[in-house]
PDB file of N, CA and C in Angstrom:
ATOM      1  N   MET A   1      13.551  -3.067 -15.363  1.00  0.00           N
ATOM      2  CA  MET A   1      12.390  -2.464 -14.747  1.00  0.00           C
ATOM      3  C   MET A   1      11.743  -1.538 -15.786  1.00  0.00           C
ATOM      4  N   LYS A   2      10.435  -1.627 -15.893  1.00  0.00           N
ATOM      5  CA  LYS A   2       9.685  -0.808 -16.836  1.00  0.00           C
ATOM      6  C   LYS A   2       8.713   0.083 -16.068  1.00  0.00           C
ATOM      7  N   THR A   3       8.437   1.243 -16.638  1.00  0.00           N
ATOM      8  CA  THR A   3       7.457   2.136 -16.027  1.00  0.00           C
ATOM      9  C   THR A   3       6.432   2.559 -17.069  1.00  0.00           C
ATOM     10  N   HIS A   4       5.261   2.901 -16.585  1.00  0.00           N
ATOM     11  CA  HIS A   4       4.214   3.467 -17.433  1.00  0.00           C
ATOM     12  C   HIS A   4       3.657   4.680 -16.702  1.00  0.00           C
ATOM     13  N   ARG A   5       3.760   5.855 -17.314  1.00  0.00           N
ATOM     14  CA  ARG A   5       3.280   7.084 -16.699  1.00  0.00           C
ATOM     15  C   ARG A   5       1.863   7.368 -17.189  1.00  0.00           C
ATOM     16  N   TYR A   6       0.956   7.526 -16.231  1.00  0.00           N
ATOM     17  CA  TYR A   6      -0.436   7.847 -16.538  1.00  0.00           C
ATOM     18  C   TYR A   6      -0.650   9.359 -16.552  1.00  0.00           C
ATOM     19  N   SER A   7       0.056  10.056 -15.676  1.00  0.00           N
ATOM     20  CA  SER A   7      -0.012  11.520 -15.584  1.00  0.00           C
ATOM     21  C   SER A   7       1.255  11.988 -14.878  1.00  0.00           C
ATOM     22  N   ASP A   8       1.337  13.266 -14.594  1.00  0.00           N
ATOM     23  CA  ASP A   8       2.514  13.790 -13.878  1.00  0.00           C
ATOM     24  C   ASP A   8       2.645  13.197 -12.480  1.00  0.00           C
ATOM     25  N   ASN A   9       1.512  12.785 -11.888  1.00  0.00           N
ATOM     26  CA  ASN A   9       1.514  12.305 -10.506  1.00  0.00           C
ATOM     27  C   ASN A   9       1.182  10.830 -10.358  1.00  0.00           C
ATOM     28  N   SER A  10       1.069  10.100 -11.448  1.00  0.00           N
ATOM     29  CA  SER A  10       0.620   8.710 -11.365  1.00  0.00           C
ATOM     30  C   SER A  10       1.406   7.845 -12.350  1.00  0.00           C
ATOM     31  N   PHE A  11       1.946   6.731 -11.835  1.00  0.00           N
ATOM     32  CA  PHE A  11       2.684   5.822 -12.703  1.00  0.00           C
ATOM     33  C   PHE A  11       2.700   4.428 -12.112  1.00  0.00           C
ATOM     34  N   SER A  12       3.011   3.449 -12.936  1.00  0.00           N
ATOM     35  CA  SER A  12       3.183   2.060 -12.520  1.00  0.00           C
ATOM     36  C   SER A  12       4.620   1.647 -12.782  1.00  0.00           C
ATOM     37  N   VAL A  13       5.137   0.767 -11.934  1.00  0.00           N
ATOM     38  CA  VAL A  13       6.471   0.212 -12.116  1.00  0.00           C
ATOM     39  C   VAL A  13       6.309  -1.288 -12.306  1.00  0.00           C
ATOM     40  N   TYR A  14       6.816  -1.806 -13.410  1.00  0.00           N
ATOM     41  CA  TYR A  14       6.730  -3.225 -13.719  1.00  0.00           C
ATOM     42  C   TYR A  14       8.091  -3.874 -13.486  1.00  0.00           C
ATOM     43  N   GLU A  15       8.063  -5.138 -13.071  1.00  0.00           N
ATOM     44  CA  GLU A  15       9.289  -5.912 -12.844  1.00  0.00           C
ATOM     45  C   GLU A  15      10.192  -5.243 -11.813  1.00  0.00           C
ATOM     46  N   PHE A  16       9.571  -4.659 -10.772  1.00  0.00           N
ATOM     47  CA  PHE A  16      10.316  -3.970  -9.719  1.00  0.00           C
ATOM     48  C   PHE A  16      11.099  -4.959  -8.866  1.00  0.00           C
ATOM     49  N   MET A  17      10.507  -6.135  -8.621  1.00  0.00           N
ATOM     50  CA  MET A  17      11.164  -7.186  -7.849  1.00  0.00           C
ATOM     51  C   MET A  17      10.762  -8.525  -8.444  1.00  0.00           C
ATOM     52  N   PRO A  18      11.482  -9.577  -8.133  1.00  0.00           N
ATOM     53  CA  PRO A  18      11.128 -10.897  -8.658  1.00  0.00           C
ATOM     54  C   PRO A  18       9.711 -11.293  -8.220  1.00  0.00           C
ATOM     55  N   GLU A  19       9.013 -12.028  -9.072  1.00  0.00           N
ATOM     56  CA  GLU A  19       7.637 -12.428  -8.784  1.00  0.00           C
ATOM     57  C   GLU A  19       7.533 -13.202  -7.469  1.00  0.00           C
ATOM     58  N   THR A  20       8.508 -14.050  -7.156  1.00  0.00           N
ATOM     59  CA  THR A  20       8.446 -14.828  -5.911  1.00  0.00           C
ATOM     60  C   THR A  20       8.512 -13.916  -4.683  1.00  0.00           C
ATOM     61  N   GLU A  21       9.337 -12.884  -4.741  1.00  0.00           N
ATOM     62  CA  GLU A  21       9.432 -11.941  -3.627  1.00  0.00           C
ATOM     63  C   GLU A  21       8.145 -11.126  -3.497  1.00  0.00           C
ATOM     64  N   CYS A  22       7.592 -10.722  -4.612  1.00  0.00           N
ATOM     65  CA  CYS A  22       6.325  -9.984  -4.615  1.00  0.00           C
ATOM     66  C   CYS A  22       5.206 -10.835  -4.022  1.00  0.00           C
ATOM     67  N   ARG A  23       5.117 -12.084  -4.446  1.00  0.00           N
ATOM     68  CA  ARG A  23       4.081 -12.993  -3.943  1.00  0.00           C
ATOM     69  C   ARG A  23       4.235 -13.197  -2.434  1.00  0.00           C
ATOM     70  N   ALA A  24       5.469 -13.306  -1.950  1.00  0.00           N
ATOM     71  CA  ALA A  24       5.701 -13.486  -0.517  1.00  0.00           C
ATOM     72  C   ALA A  24       5.214 -12.276   0.272  1.00  0.00           C
ATOM     73  N   LEU A  25       5.440 -11.068  -0.238  1.00  0.00           N
ATOM     74  CA  LEU A  25       4.961  -9.863   0.442  1.00  0.00           C
ATOM     75  C   LEU A  25       3.434  -9.776   0.425  1.00  0.00           C
ATOM     76  N   ILE A  26       2.816 -10.143  -0.673  1.00  0.00           N
ATOM     77  CA  ILE A  26       1.354 -10.152  -0.751  1.00  0.00           C
ATOM     78  C   ILE A  26       0.782 -11.145   0.253  1.00  0.00           C
ATOM     79  N   THR A  27       1.355 -12.340   0.292  1.00  0.00           N
ATOM     80  CA  THR A  27       0.888 -13.370   1.231  1.00  0.00           C
ATOM     81  C   THR A  27       1.042 -12.895   2.668  1.00  0.00           C
ATOM     82  N   ARG A  28       2.186 -12.316   2.983  1.00  0.00           N
ATOM     83  CA  ARG A  28       2.421 -11.822   4.348  1.00  0.00           C
ATOM     84  C   ARG A  28       1.399 -10.748   4.729  1.00  0.00           C
ATOM     85  N   SER A  29       1.133  -9.823   3.825  1.00  0.00           N
ATOM     86  CA  SER A  29       0.171  -8.763   4.142  1.00  0.00           C
ATOM     87  C   SER A  29      -1.233  -9.317   4.308  1.00  0.00           C
ATOM     88  N   GLU A  30      -1.603 -10.294   3.492  1.00  0.00           N
ATOM     89  CA  GLU A  30      -2.935 -10.898   3.614  1.00  0.00           C
ATOM     90  C   GLU A  30      -3.079 -11.668   4.919  1.00  0.00           C
ATOM     91  N   GLU A  31      -2.007 -12.305   5.370  1.00  0.00           N
ATOM     92  CA  GLU A  31      -2.039 -13.023   6.652  1.00  0.00           C
ATOM     93  C   GLU A  31      -2.183 -12.048   7.827  1.00  0.00           C
ATOM     94  N   MET A  32      -1.596 -10.865   7.716  1.00  0.00           N
ATOM     95  CA  MET A  32      -1.692  -9.868   8.776  1.00  0.00           C
ATOM     96  C   MET A  32      -3.075  -9.224   8.811  1.00  0.00           C
ATOM     97  N   GLY A  33      -3.691  -9.100   7.658  1.00  0.00           N
ATOM     98  CA  GLY A  33      -5.011  -8.480   7.566  1.00  0.00           C
ATOM     99  C   GLY A  33      -4.925  -6.995   7.274  1.00  0.00           C
ATOM    100  N   TYR A  34      -5.948  -6.493   6.623  1.00  0.00           N
ATOM    101  CA  TYR A  34      -6.005  -5.089   6.232  1.00  0.00           C
ATOM    102  C   TYR A  34      -6.999  -4.345   7.110  1.00  0.00           C
ATOM    103  N   GLU A  35      -6.793  -3.047   7.246  1.00  0.00           N
ATOM    104  CA  GLU A  35      -7.724  -2.203   7.988  1.00  0.00           C
ATOM    105  C   GLU A  35      -8.028  -0.973   7.139  1.00  0.00           C
ATOM    106  N   ALA A  36      -9.079  -0.275   7.488  1.00  0.00           N
ATOM    107  CA  ALA A  36      -9.422   0.952   6.777  1.00  0.00           C
ATOM    108  C   ALA A  36      -8.281   1.950   6.934  1.00  0.00           C
ATOM    109  N   ALA A  37      -7.873   2.552   5.831  1.00  0.00           N
ATOM    110  CA  ALA A  37      -6.828   3.569   5.895  1.00  0.00           C
ATOM    111  C   ALA A  37      -7.377   4.801   6.594  1.00  0.00           C
ATOM    112  N   LYS A  38      -6.565   5.394   7.428  1.00  0.00           N
ATOM    113  CA  LYS A  38      -7.006   6.531   8.222  1.00  0.00           C
ATOM    114  C   LYS A  38      -6.324   7.812   7.757  1.00  0.00           C
ATOM    115  N   ILE A  39      -6.907   8.929   8.152  1.00  0.00           N
ATOM    116  CA  ILE A  39      -6.316  10.229   7.889  1.00  0.00           C
ATOM    117  C   ILE A  39      -6.076  10.917   9.230  1.00  0.00           C
ATOM    118  N   ASP A  40      -5.181  11.877   9.229  1.00  0.00           N
ATOM    119  CA  ASP A  40      -4.876  12.648  10.432  1.00  0.00           C
ATOM    120  C   ASP A  40      -5.757  13.887  10.428  1.00  0.00           C
ATOM    121  N   ASP A  41      -6.627  14.010  11.429  1.00  0.00           N
ATOM    122  CA  ASP A  41      -7.529  15.161  11.485  1.00  0.00           C
ATOM    123  C   ASP A  41      -6.964  16.292  12.345  1.00  0.00           C
ATOM    124  N   GLY A  42      -5.708  16.198  12.688  1.00  0.00           N
ATOM    125  CA  GLY A  42      -5.060  17.212  13.509  1.00  0.00           C
ATOM    126  C   GLY A  42      -4.968  16.823  14.964  1.00  0.00           C
ATOM    127  N   ALA A  43      -5.891  15.978  15.420  1.00  0.00           N
ATOM    128  CA  ALA A  43      -5.889  15.545  16.818  1.00  0.00           C
ATOM    129  C   ALA A  43      -5.687  14.046  16.943  1.00  0.00           C
ATOM    130  N   SER A  44      -6.082  13.302  15.916  1.00  0.00           N
ATOM    131  CA  SER A  44      -5.973  11.842  15.959  1.00  0.00           C
ATOM    132  C   SER A  44      -6.065  11.278  14.546  1.00  0.00           C
ATOM    133  N   GLN A  45      -5.912   9.979  14.466  1.00  0.00           N
ATOM    134  CA  GLN A  45      -6.082   9.258  13.213  1.00  0.00           C
ATOM    135  C   GLN A  45      -7.521   8.752  13.150  1.00  0.00           C
ATOM    136  N   VAL A  46      -8.246   9.077  12.087  1.00  0.00           N
ATOM    137  CA  VAL A  46      -9.644   8.656  11.961  1.00  0.00           C
ATOM    138  C   VAL A  46      -9.896   8.081  10.573  1.00  0.00           C
ATOM    139  N   ALA A  47     -10.823   7.143  10.503  1.00  0.00           N
ATOM    140  CA  ALA A  47     -11.249   6.599   9.218  1.00  0.00           C
ATOM    141  C   ALA A  47     -12.289   7.549   8.634  1.00  0.00           C
ATOM    142  N   ASP A  48     -12.105   7.945   7.387  1.00  0.00           N
ATOM    143  CA  ASP A  48     -13.053   8.810   6.684  1.00  0.00           C
ATOM    144  C   ASP A  48     -13.159   8.307   5.255  1.00  0.00           C
ATOM    145  N   PRO A  49     -14.055   7.317   5.009  1.00  0.00           N
ATOM    146  CA  PRO A  49     -14.144   6.718   3.677  1.00  0.00           C
ATOM    147  C   PRO A  49     -14.525   7.708   2.580  1.00  0.00           C
ATOM    148  N   GLY A  50     -15.129   8.833   2.930  1.00  0.00           N
ATOM    149  CA  GLY A  50     -15.419   9.849   1.929  1.00  0.00           C
ATOM    150  C   GLY A  50     -14.158  10.537   1.432  1.00  0.00           C
ATOM    151  N   MET A  51     -13.117  10.531   2.255  1.00  0.00           N
ATOM    152  CA  MET A  51     -11.849  11.171   1.913  1.00  0.00           C
ATOM    153  C   MET A  51     -10.827  10.147   1.398  1.00  0.00           C
ATOM    154  N   ARG A  52     -10.805   8.977   2.041  1.00  0.00           N
ATOM    155  CA  ARG A  52      -9.813   7.943   1.701  1.00  0.00           C
ATOM    156  C   ARG A  52     -10.485   6.590   1.847  1.00  0.00           C
ATOM    157  N   ASN A  53     -10.731   5.940   0.731  1.00  0.00           N
ATOM    158  CA  ASN A  53     -11.535   4.718   0.755  1.00  0.00           C
ATOM    159  C   ASN A  53     -10.754   3.456   0.401  1.00  0.00           C
ATOM    160  N   ASN A  54      -9.554   3.332   0.927  1.00  0.00           N
ATOM    161  CA  ASN A  54      -8.765   2.138   0.657  1.00  0.00           C
ATOM    162  C   ASN A  54      -8.408   1.433   1.967  1.00  0.00           C
ATOM    163  N   ALA A  55      -7.916   0.227   1.855  1.00  0.00           N
ATOM    164  CA  ALA A  55      -7.465  -0.536   3.017  1.00  0.00           C
ATOM    165  C   ALA A  55      -5.940  -0.600   2.981  1.00  0.00           C
ATOM    166  N   ARG A  56      -5.358  -0.852   4.144  1.00  0.00           N
ATOM    167  CA  ARG A  56      -3.900  -0.934   4.194  1.00  0.00           C
ATOM    168  C   ARG A  56      -3.460  -1.872   5.298  1.00  0.00           C
ATOM    169  N   VAL A  57      -2.215  -2.274   5.190  1.00  0.00           N
ATOM    170  CA  VAL A  57      -1.533  -2.998   6.258  1.00  0.00           C
ATOM    171  C   VAL A  57      -0.170  -2.330   6.414  1.00  0.00           C
ATOM    172  N   ILE A  58       0.245  -2.131   7.643  1.00  0.00           N
ATOM    173  CA  ILE A  58       1.545  -1.534   7.914  1.00  0.00           C
ATOM    174  C   ILE A  58       2.350  -2.506   8.754  1.00  0.00           C
ATOM    175  N   PHE A  59       3.566  -2.808   8.308  1.00  0.00           N
ATOM    176  CA  PHE A  59       4.440  -3.649   9.121  1.00  0.00           C
ATOM    177  C   PHE A  59       5.869  -3.149   8.973  1.00  0.00           C
ATOM    178  N   ASP A  60       6.608  -3.255  10.056  1.00  0.00           N
ATOM    179  CA  ASP A  60       8.026  -2.923  10.049  1.00  0.00           C
ATOM    180  C   ASP A  60       8.800  -4.203   9.798  1.00  0.00           C
ATOM    181  N   ASP A  61       9.718  -4.148   8.869  1.00  0.00           N
ATOM    182  CA  ASP A  61      10.483  -5.330   8.505  1.00  0.00           C
ATOM    183  C   ASP A  61      11.968  -5.032   8.721  1.00  0.00           C
ATOM    184  N   PHE A  62      12.496  -5.565   9.793  1.00  0.00           N
ATOM    185  CA  PHE A  62      13.902  -5.339  10.119  1.00  0.00           C
ATOM    186  C   PHE A  62      14.707  -6.592   9.830  1.00  0.00           C
ATOM    187  N   PRO A  63      15.925  -6.432   9.325  1.00  0.00           N
ATOM    188  CA  PRO A  63      16.753  -7.609   9.029  1.00  0.00           C
ATOM    189  C   PRO A  63      17.133  -8.390  10.270  1.00  0.00           C
TER     190      PRO A  63
END
């Protein structure tokens, strides 16, 4: 496993898992679909693209 540090708070990890396993997770997430990432405003979860402008998918994976 290789890493590349961009700053104290940012880095990449290379060869973390086999390419076939990585591809399977990407495919699974794409099949589930992505939604706008939300933030907690203290009362609820809301989309605020000015604060957080990425998409995400969340799934629980139990053996």
